[in-house]
Amino acid sequence: MTPQDAPVPRGPWSEVPTVEMPTGDTSIPISLLRDVADALLKLPGAKVCDWAAQQPIVGLSTEYCSTVYVAGDGDSLSWRVSEPVAGNHKTCRPFFAVKDDDYPPSQVWVVGYVHNHLCAAPPSSDDLSAWPTDVFDPFVAMAEVRLWPGNPAPARYKNTPIELASALVAERQDGTRIFLRWFPTGEVQQWSNAKSRWVTLGTCAPGNLTGHGMTVPRCRPGSLQLLSK
């Protein structure tokens, strides 16, 4: 979790346009993620990968996290992201709060976070355990619902609840981009350009801790297989 004395990032990030609702989706929309990818993936180190080894490069590769949130009121909400926070070649630590330039805290709801993934890899156990998961024991069970006690209630747009999710954006060696999002209930989805919709790849939870760190996520019906297009 973010240290309490760490500065809270500001939003909205000027590099990413806000997306007004409705978007035709009840969670993080693809239009926002496309804009996030354009901004995040041009930051220093955001696409650096040793493609021969399929591994990030220590000291050169960098992950960046931005908080995903909605702001406004029930009749006028917009999707926004905070200014990014840099991590290292393996991870970045998301903030679960944001200072919005336009709205007071009472009109801001954090939905999740988004980050770039190096070498176009699927979500890691660290990604799934960061948030949102079962806050009491993230290595045992994901949350049972997609709504999170919010501000003080989950965000709603015209009586439609906004579903929590986090996401990653990545770029393959050939320049094609990957957009993934996952919910607190464990479903992992990838945007399919061919089908122009989200496709569920599986249901995952963080792997068990080992002597060498985190294992890959535990998924059903099996390990995640990313779509080619």
C-alpha atoms as a PDB file:
ATOM      1  CA  MET A   1       0.000   0.000   0.000  1.00  0.00           C
ATOM      2  CA  THR A   2       1.013   3.587  -0.444  1.00  0.00           C
ATOM      3  CA  PRO A   3       2.764   5.081   2.601  1.00  0.00           C
ATOM      4  CA  GLN A   4       0.493   7.522   4.377  1.00  0.00           C
ATOM      5  CA  ASP A   5       3.082  10.265   4.197  1.00  0.00           C
ATOM      6  CA  ALA A   6       3.618   9.878   0.436  1.00  0.00           C
ATOM      7  CA  PRO A   7       2.268  12.725  -1.726  1.00  0.00           C
ATOM      8  CA  VAL A   8      -1.058  11.883  -3.323  1.00  0.00           C
ATOM      9  CA  PRO A   9      -0.981  12.222  -7.124  1.00  0.00           C
ATOM     10  CA  ARG A  10      -3.046  14.858  -8.848  1.00  0.00           C
ATOM     11  CA  GLY A  11      -5.575  14.408 -11.597  1.00  0.00           C
ATOM     12  CA  PRO A  12      -6.697  14.519 -14.215  1.00  0.00           C
ATOM     13  CA  TRP A  13      -3.405  13.898 -16.030  1.00  0.00           C
ATOM     14  CA  SER A  14      -3.177  16.536 -18.735  1.00  0.00           C
ATOM     15  CA  GLU A  15      -1.851  13.984 -21.241  1.00  0.00           C
ATOM     16  CA  VAL A  16      -5.038  11.889 -21.082  1.00  0.00           C
ATOM     17  CA  PRO A  17      -8.404  13.431 -22.023  1.00  0.00           C
ATOM     18  CA  THR A  18     -11.283  12.780 -19.645  1.00  0.00           C
ATOM     19  CA  VAL A  19     -14.006  10.474 -20.987  1.00  0.00           C
ATOM     20  CA  GLU A  20     -17.567  11.532 -20.319  1.00  0.00           C
ATOM     21  CA  MET A  21     -20.253   9.007 -19.506  1.00  0.00           C
ATOM     22  CA  PRO A  22     -22.105   7.179 -20.897  1.00  0.00           C
ATOM     23  CA  THR A  23     -19.476   5.072 -22.630  1.00  0.00           C
ATOM     24  CA  GLY A  24     -21.502   1.922 -23.263  1.00  0.00           C
ATOM     25  CA  ASP A  25     -19.562   0.186 -20.482  1.00  0.00           C
ATOM     26  CA  THR A  26     -19.953  -0.029 -16.706  1.00  0.00           C
ATOM     27  CA  SER A  27     -16.210  -0.219 -16.027  1.00  0.00           C
ATOM     28  CA  ILE A  28     -12.947   1.157 -17.427  1.00  0.00           C
ATOM     29  CA  PRO A  29     -13.738   1.963 -21.096  1.00  0.00           C
ATOM     30  CA  ILE A  30     -11.425   1.083 -23.965  1.00  0.00           C
ATOM     31  CA  SER A  31     -11.413   4.695 -25.160  1.00  0.00           C
ATOM     32  CA  LEU A  32      -9.750   5.770 -21.905  1.00  0.00           C
ATOM     33  CA  LEU A  33      -7.208   2.945 -22.075  1.00  0.00           C
ATOM     34  CA  ARG A  34      -6.246   3.817 -25.645  1.00  0.00           C
ATOM     35  CA  ASP A  35      -5.472   7.370 -24.548  1.00  0.00           C
ATOM     36  CA  VAL A  36      -3.608   6.101 -21.481  1.00  0.00           C
ATOM     37  CA  ALA A  37      -1.488   3.862 -23.697  1.00  0.00           C
ATOM     38  CA  ASP A  38      -0.600   6.776 -25.962  1.00  0.00           C
ATOM     39  CA  ALA A  39       0.617   8.743 -22.931  1.00  0.00           C
ATOM     40  CA  LEU A  40       2.180   6.031 -20.738  1.00  0.00           C
ATOM     41  CA  LEU A  41       4.044   4.191 -23.471  1.00  0.00           C
ATOM     42  CA  LYS A  42       5.990   7.263 -24.544  1.00  0.00           C
ATOM     43  CA  LEU A  43       7.462   7.759 -21.059  1.00  0.00           C
ATOM     44  CA  PRO A  44      11.148   6.845 -20.556  1.00  0.00           C
ATOM     45  CA  GLY A  45      11.649   3.096 -20.318  1.00  0.00           C
ATOM     46  CA  ALA A  46       7.964   2.225 -20.695  1.00  0.00           C
ATOM     47  CA  LYS A  47       8.557  -0.049 -23.719  1.00  0.00           C
ATOM     48  CA  VAL A  48      12.140  -1.175 -23.076  1.00  0.00           C
ATOM     49  CA  CYS A  49      12.403  -4.983 -23.212  1.00  0.00           C
ATOM     50  CA  ASP A  50      15.001  -7.635 -23.945  1.00  0.00           C
ATOM     51  CA  TRP A  51      12.809  -9.366 -26.502  1.00  0.00           C
ATOM     52  CA  ALA A  52      15.213 -12.271 -26.959  1.00  0.00           C
ATOM     53  CA  ALA A  53      14.881 -13.150 -23.275  1.00  0.00           C
ATOM     54  CA  GLN A  54      11.334 -11.788 -22.906  1.00  0.00           C
ATOM     55  CA  GLN A  55      12.495  -9.888 -19.828  1.00  0.00           C
ATOM     56  CA  PRO A  56      12.634  -6.223 -18.792  1.00  0.00           C
ATOM     57  CA  ILE A  57      16.087  -4.652 -18.503  1.00  0.00           C
ATOM     58  CA  VAL A  58      17.226  -3.599 -15.040  1.00  0.00           C
ATOM     59  CA  GLY A  59      17.957   0.116 -14.934  1.00  0.00           C
ATOM     60  CA  LEU A  60      16.292   0.814 -18.278  1.00  0.00           C
ATOM     61  CA  SER A  61      12.785  -0.653 -18.226  1.00  0.00           C
ATOM     62  CA  THR A  62      10.203   1.215 -16.127  1.00  0.00           C
ATOM     63  CA  GLU A  63       6.627   0.577 -15.073  1.00  0.00           C
ATOM     64  CA  TYR A  64       4.315   3.510 -14.369  1.00  0.00           C
ATOM     65  CA  CYS A  65       1.077   3.470 -12.357  1.00  0.00           C
ATOM     66  CA  SER A  66      -1.852   5.873 -12.639  1.00  0.00           C
ATOM     67  CA  THR A  67      -4.968   5.860 -10.470  1.00  0.00           C
ATOM     68  CA  VAL A  68      -8.212   5.356 -12.412  1.00  0.00           C
ATOM     69  CA  TYR A  69     -11.189   7.225 -11.015  1.00  0.00           C
ATOM     70  CA  VAL A  70     -14.485   8.883 -11.841  1.00  0.00           C
ATOM     71  CA  ALA A  71     -15.466  12.388 -10.810  1.00  0.00           C
ATOM     72  CA  GLY A  72     -18.632  14.471 -10.899  1.00  0.00           C
ATOM     73  CA  ASP A  73     -22.153  13.698  -9.739  1.00  0.00           C
ATOM     74  CA  GLY A  74     -24.737  11.062 -10.535  1.00  0.00           C
ATOM     75  CA  ASP A  75     -25.928  12.796 -13.689  1.00  0.00           C
ATOM     76  CA  SER A  76     -22.525  13.917 -14.995  1.00  0.00           C
ATOM     77  CA  LEU A  77     -19.526  11.679 -14.418  1.00  0.00           C
ATOM     78  CA  SER A  78     -16.249  11.414 -16.286  1.00  0.00           C
ATOM     79  CA  TRP A  79     -13.466   8.821 -16.345  1.00  0.00           C
ATOM     80  CA  ARG A  80     -10.050  10.193 -15.388  1.00  0.00           C
ATOM     81  CA  VAL A  81      -6.528   9.081 -14.530  1.00  0.00           C
ATOM     82  CA  SER A  82      -3.992  10.650 -12.210  1.00  0.00           C
ATOM     83  CA  GLU A  83      -0.501  11.725 -13.124  1.00  0.00           C
ATOM     84  CA  PRO A  84       1.667   8.572 -13.280  1.00  0.00           C
ATOM     85  CA  VAL A  85       4.055   7.408 -10.589  1.00  0.00           C
ATOM     86  CA  ALA A  86       7.241   5.684 -11.760  1.00  0.00           C
ATOM     87  CA  GLY A  87       8.323   2.334 -10.364  1.00  0.00           C
ATOM     88  CA  ASN A  88      11.152   0.093 -11.493  1.00  0.00           C
ATOM     89  CA  HIS A  89      11.651  -2.665 -14.076  1.00  0.00           C
ATOM     90  CA  LYS A  90       9.392  -5.086 -12.193  1.00  0.00           C
ATOM     91  CA  THR A  91       6.605  -3.127 -10.598  1.00  0.00           C
ATOM     92  CA  CYS A  92       4.999   0.182  -9.697  1.00  0.00           C
ATOM     93  CA  ARG A  93       2.897   0.861  -6.616  1.00  0.00           C
ATOM     94  CA  PRO A  94      -0.556   2.332  -7.259  1.00  0.00           C
ATOM     95  CA  PHE A  95      -2.124   5.065  -5.166  1.00  0.00           C
ATOM     96  CA  PHE A  96      -5.672   4.560  -3.945  1.00  0.00           C
ATOM     97  CA  ALA A  97      -6.361   8.261  -3.574  1.00  0.00           C
ATOM     98  CA  VAL A  98      -6.146  11.253  -5.883  1.00  0.00           C
ATOM     99  CA  LYS A  99      -6.460  15.034  -5.644  1.00  0.00           C
ATOM    100  CA  ASP A 100      -8.672  16.121  -8.500  1.00  0.00           C
ATOM    101  CA  ASP A 101      -8.272  19.628  -9.882  1.00  0.00           C
ATOM    102  CA  ASP A 102     -11.980  20.047 -10.598  1.00  0.00           C
ATOM    103  CA  TYR A 103     -13.925  18.231  -7.876  1.00  0.00           C
ATOM    104  CA  PRO A 104     -13.772  17.919  -4.073  1.00  0.00           C
ATOM    105  CA  PRO A 105     -13.091  14.506  -2.482  1.00  0.00           C
ATOM    106  CA  SER A 106     -16.821  13.952  -1.974  1.00  0.00           C
ATOM    107  CA  GLN A 107     -17.227  13.822  -5.774  1.00  0.00           C
ATOM    108  CA  VAL A 108     -14.261  11.584  -6.544  1.00  0.00           C
ATOM    109  CA  TRP A 109     -14.372   7.754  -6.578  1.00  0.00           C
ATOM    110  CA  VAL A 110     -11.283   5.622  -7.123  1.00  0.00           C
ATOM    111  CA  VAL A 111     -12.094   2.673  -9.383  1.00  0.00           C
ATOM    112  CA  GLY A 112      -8.692   0.998  -9.707  1.00  0.00           C
ATOM    113  CA  TYR A 113      -5.367   1.641 -11.354  1.00  0.00           C
ATOM    114  CA  VAL A 114      -3.698   1.255 -14.740  1.00  0.00           C
ATOM    115  CA  HIS A 115      -0.067   0.597 -15.574  1.00  0.00           C
ATOM    116  CA  ASN A 116       2.146  -0.317 -18.486  1.00  0.00           C
ATOM    117  CA  HIS A 117       3.422  -3.876 -18.662  1.00  0.00           C
ATOM    118  CA  LEU A 118       6.861  -4.553 -20.042  1.00  0.00           C
ATOM    119  CA  CYS A 119       7.433  -7.195 -22.730  1.00  0.00           C
ATOM    120  CA  ALA A 120       3.652  -7.463 -23.324  1.00  0.00           C
ATOM    121  CA  ALA A 121       3.252  -9.894 -20.409  1.00  0.00           C
ATOM    122  CA  PRO A 122      -0.142 -10.787 -18.883  1.00  0.00           C
ATOM    123  CA  PRO A 123      -1.052  -9.685 -15.331  1.00  0.00           C
ATOM    124  CA  SER A 124       1.259 -10.962 -12.610  1.00  0.00           C
ATOM    125  CA  SER A 125       0.339 -12.140  -9.123  1.00  0.00           C
ATOM    126  CA  ASP A 126       1.631  -8.786  -7.865  1.00  0.00           C
ATOM    127  CA  ASP A 127      -0.817  -7.013 -10.186  1.00  0.00           C
ATOM    128  CA  LEU A 128      -3.747  -9.073  -8.970  1.00  0.00           C
ATOM    129  CA  SER A 129      -2.828  -8.730  -5.303  1.00  0.00           C
ATOM    130  CA  ALA A 130      -2.196  -4.978  -5.410  1.00  0.00           C
ATOM    131  CA  TRP A 131      -5.842  -3.922  -5.632  1.00  0.00           C
ATOM    132  CA  PRO A 132      -8.688  -4.484  -5.871  1.00  0.00           C
ATOM    133  CA  THR A 133      -8.705  -7.862  -4.147  1.00  0.00           C
ATOM    134  CA  ASP A 134      -9.955  -9.187  -0.856  1.00  0.00           C
ATOM    135  CA  VAL A 135      -8.386  -6.548   1.393  1.00  0.00           C
ATOM    136  CA  PHE A 136      -8.170  -8.858   4.387  1.00  0.00           C
ATOM    137  CA  ASP A 137      -6.346 -11.756   2.716  1.00  0.00           C
ATOM    138  CA  PRO A 138      -5.537 -11.064  -0.950  1.00  0.00           C
ATOM    139  CA  PHE A 139      -3.595 -14.295  -1.370  1.00  0.00           C
ATOM    140  CA  VAL A 140      -6.592 -16.449  -0.471  1.00  0.00           C
ATOM    141  CA  ALA A 141      -9.636 -14.987  -2.164  1.00  0.00           C
ATOM    142  CA  MET A 142     -10.654 -12.167  -4.446  1.00  0.00           C
ATOM    143  CA  ALA A 143     -13.499  -9.899  -3.440  1.00  0.00           C
ATOM    144  CA  GLU A 144     -16.932 -11.408  -3.989  1.00  0.00           C
ATOM    145  CA  VAL A 145     -18.447  -8.434  -5.750  1.00  0.00           C
ATOM    146  CA  ARG A 146     -17.331  -5.817  -8.227  1.00  0.00           C
ATOM    147  CA  LEU A 147     -18.490  -2.901  -6.086  1.00  0.00           C
ATOM    148  CA  TRP A 148     -16.331  -1.345  -3.390  1.00  0.00           C
ATOM    149  CA  PRO A 149     -17.476   0.681  -0.393  1.00  0.00           C
ATOM    150  CA  GLY A 150     -16.828   4.097  -1.806  1.00  0.00           C
ATOM    151  CA  ASN A 151     -17.400   7.709  -1.063  1.00  0.00           C
ATOM    152  CA  PRO A 152     -19.316   6.716   1.087  1.00  0.00           C
ATOM    153  CA  ALA A 153     -21.079   4.474  -1.439  1.00  0.00           C
ATOM    154  CA  PRO A 154     -20.000   3.071  -4.821  1.00  0.00           C
ATOM    155  CA  ALA A 155     -20.076   5.488  -7.738  1.00  0.00           C
ATOM    156  CA  ARG A 156     -23.246   5.449  -9.813  1.00  0.00           C
ATOM    157  CA  TYR A 157     -24.112   7.020 -13.119  1.00  0.00           C
ATOM    158  CA  LYS A 158     -27.846   7.586 -13.418  1.00  0.00           C
ATOM    159  CA  ASN A 159     -28.541   4.661 -11.054  1.00  0.00           C
ATOM    160  CA  THR A 160     -26.036   2.352 -12.826  1.00  0.00           C
ATOM    161  CA  PRO A 161     -23.197   1.277 -10.496  1.00  0.00           C
ATOM    162  CA  ILE A 162     -19.650   1.684 -11.764  1.00  0.00           C
ATOM    163  CA  GLU A 163     -17.750  -1.596 -11.548  1.00  0.00           C
ATOM    164  CA  LEU A 164     -14.260  -1.594 -10.079  1.00  0.00           C
ATOM    165  CA  ALA A 165     -11.380  -2.844 -12.197  1.00  0.00           C
ATOM    166  CA  SER A 166      -7.708  -2.339 -12.831  1.00  0.00           C
ATOM    167  CA  ALA A 167      -5.943  -2.490 -16.153  1.00  0.00           C
ATOM    168  CA  LEU A 168      -2.689  -2.736 -18.022  1.00  0.00           C
ATOM    169  CA  VAL A 169      -1.530  -1.468 -21.384  1.00  0.00           C
ATOM    170  CA  ALA A 170       1.396  -2.962 -23.261  1.00  0.00           C
ATOM    171  CA  GLU A 171       3.031  -3.034 -26.658  1.00  0.00           C
ATOM    172  CA  ARG A 172       4.307  -6.102 -28.480  1.00  0.00           C
ATOM    173  CA  GLN A 173       7.585  -6.138 -30.387  1.00  0.00           C
ATOM    174  CA  ASP A 174       5.680  -5.599 -33.644  1.00  0.00           C
ATOM    175  CA  GLY A 175       4.052  -2.451 -32.255  1.00  0.00           C
ATOM    176  CA  THR A 176       0.573  -3.854 -31.702  1.00  0.00           C
ATOM    177  CA  ARG A 177      -0.953  -2.988 -28.359  1.00  0.00           C
ATOM    178  CA  ILE A 178      -2.573  -5.081 -25.642  1.00  0.00           C
ATOM    179  CA  PHE A 179      -5.333  -3.846 -23.347  1.00  0.00           C
ATOM    180  CA  LEU A 180      -6.301  -5.942 -20.323  1.00  0.00           C
ATOM    181  CA  ARG A 181      -8.562  -5.290 -17.364  1.00  0.00           C
ATOM    182  CA  TRP A 182      -9.409  -7.406 -14.331  1.00  0.00           C
ATOM    183  CA  PHE A 183     -12.137  -7.227 -11.726  1.00  0.00           C
ATOM    184  CA  PRO A 184     -12.116  -7.862  -7.960  1.00  0.00           C
ATOM    185  CA  THR A 185     -14.096 -11.029  -8.695  1.00  0.00           C
ATOM    186  CA  GLY A 186     -11.088 -12.347 -10.626  1.00  0.00           C
ATOM    187  CA  GLU A 187     -12.216 -12.176 -14.252  1.00  0.00           C
ATOM    188  CA  VAL A 188      -9.459 -11.061 -16.613  1.00  0.00           C
ATOM    189  CA  GLN A 189     -10.558  -9.541 -19.917  1.00  0.00           C
ATOM    190  CA  GLN A 190      -8.676  -8.512 -23.056  1.00  0.00           C
ATOM    191  CA  TRP A 191      -9.926  -6.069 -25.642  1.00  0.00           C
ATOM    192  CA  SER A 192     -10.347  -7.789 -29.003  1.00  0.00           C
ATOM    193  CA  ASN A 193      -9.848  -5.472 -31.962  1.00  0.00           C
ATOM    194  CA  ALA A 194     -11.214  -8.152 -34.264  1.00  0.00           C
ATOM    195  CA  LYS A 195     -14.463  -8.442 -32.288  1.00  0.00           C
ATOM    196  CA  SER A 196     -14.555  -4.842 -30.981  1.00  0.00           C
ATOM    197  CA  ARG A 197     -15.429  -6.002 -27.482  1.00  0.00           C
ATOM    198  CA  TRP A 198     -13.949  -7.309 -24.236  1.00  0.00           C
ATOM    199  CA  VAL A 199     -13.251 -11.050 -24.149  1.00  0.00           C
ATOM    200  CA  THR A 200     -12.918 -12.915 -20.841  1.00  0.00           C
ATOM    201  CA  LEU A 201      -9.687 -14.942 -20.782  1.00  0.00           C
ATOM    202  CA  GLY A 202     -10.207 -16.625 -17.423  1.00  0.00           C
ATOM    203  CA  THR A 203     -10.730 -16.131 -13.708  1.00  0.00           C
ATOM    204  CA  CYS A 204      -7.562 -15.628 -11.687  1.00  0.00           C
ATOM    205  CA  ALA A 205      -6.269 -15.090  -8.165  1.00  0.00           C
ATOM    206  CA  PRO A 206      -2.755 -14.320  -6.929  1.00  0.00           C
ATOM    207  CA  GLY A 207      -0.425 -17.303  -6.745  1.00  0.00           C
ATOM    208  CA  ASN A 208       1.021 -18.573  -3.491  1.00  0.00           C
ATOM    209  CA  LEU A 209       4.207 -17.123  -2.098  1.00  0.00           C
ATOM    210  CA  THR A 210       7.290 -19.225  -2.770  1.00  0.00           C
ATOM    211  CA  GLY A 211      10.913 -19.033  -1.722  1.00  0.00           C
ATOM    212  CA  HIS A 212      11.617 -17.213  -4.966  1.00  0.00           C
ATOM    213  CA  GLY A 213       8.805 -14.678  -4.643  1.00  0.00           C
ATOM    214  CA  MET A 214       5.403 -14.653  -6.277  1.00  0.00           C
ATOM    215  CA  THR A 215       4.343 -17.433  -8.618  1.00  0.00           C
ATOM    216  CA  VAL A 216       2.260 -16.818 -11.699  1.00  0.00           C
ATOM    217  CA  PRO A 217      -1.450 -16.255 -11.011  1.00  0.00           C
ATOM    218  CA  ARG A 218      -3.707 -19.243 -10.388  1.00  0.00           C
ATOM    219  CA  CYS A 219      -6.290 -19.167 -13.172  1.00  0.00           C
ATOM    220  CA  ARG A 220      -9.114 -21.310 -14.405  1.00  0.00           C
ATOM    221  CA  PRO A 221      -9.646 -22.974 -16.773  1.00  0.00           C
ATOM    222  CA  GLY A 222      -5.822 -22.733 -17.091  1.00  0.00           C
ATOM    223  CA  SER A 223      -2.981 -20.261 -17.613  1.00  0.00           C
ATOM    224  CA  LEU A 224      -4.011 -17.092 -19.439  1.00  0.00           C
ATOM    225  CA  GLN A 225      -3.565 -17.165 -23.209  1.00  0.00           C
ATOM    226  CA  LEU A 226      -3.565 -13.681 -24.714  1.00  0.00           C
ATOM    227  CA  LEU A 227      -5.498 -12.999 -27.903  1.00  0.00           C
ATOM    228  CA  SER A 228      -3.395 -12.325 -30.978  1.00  0.00           C
ATOM    229  CA  LYS A 229      -5.673  -9.550 -32.203  1.00  0.00           C
END
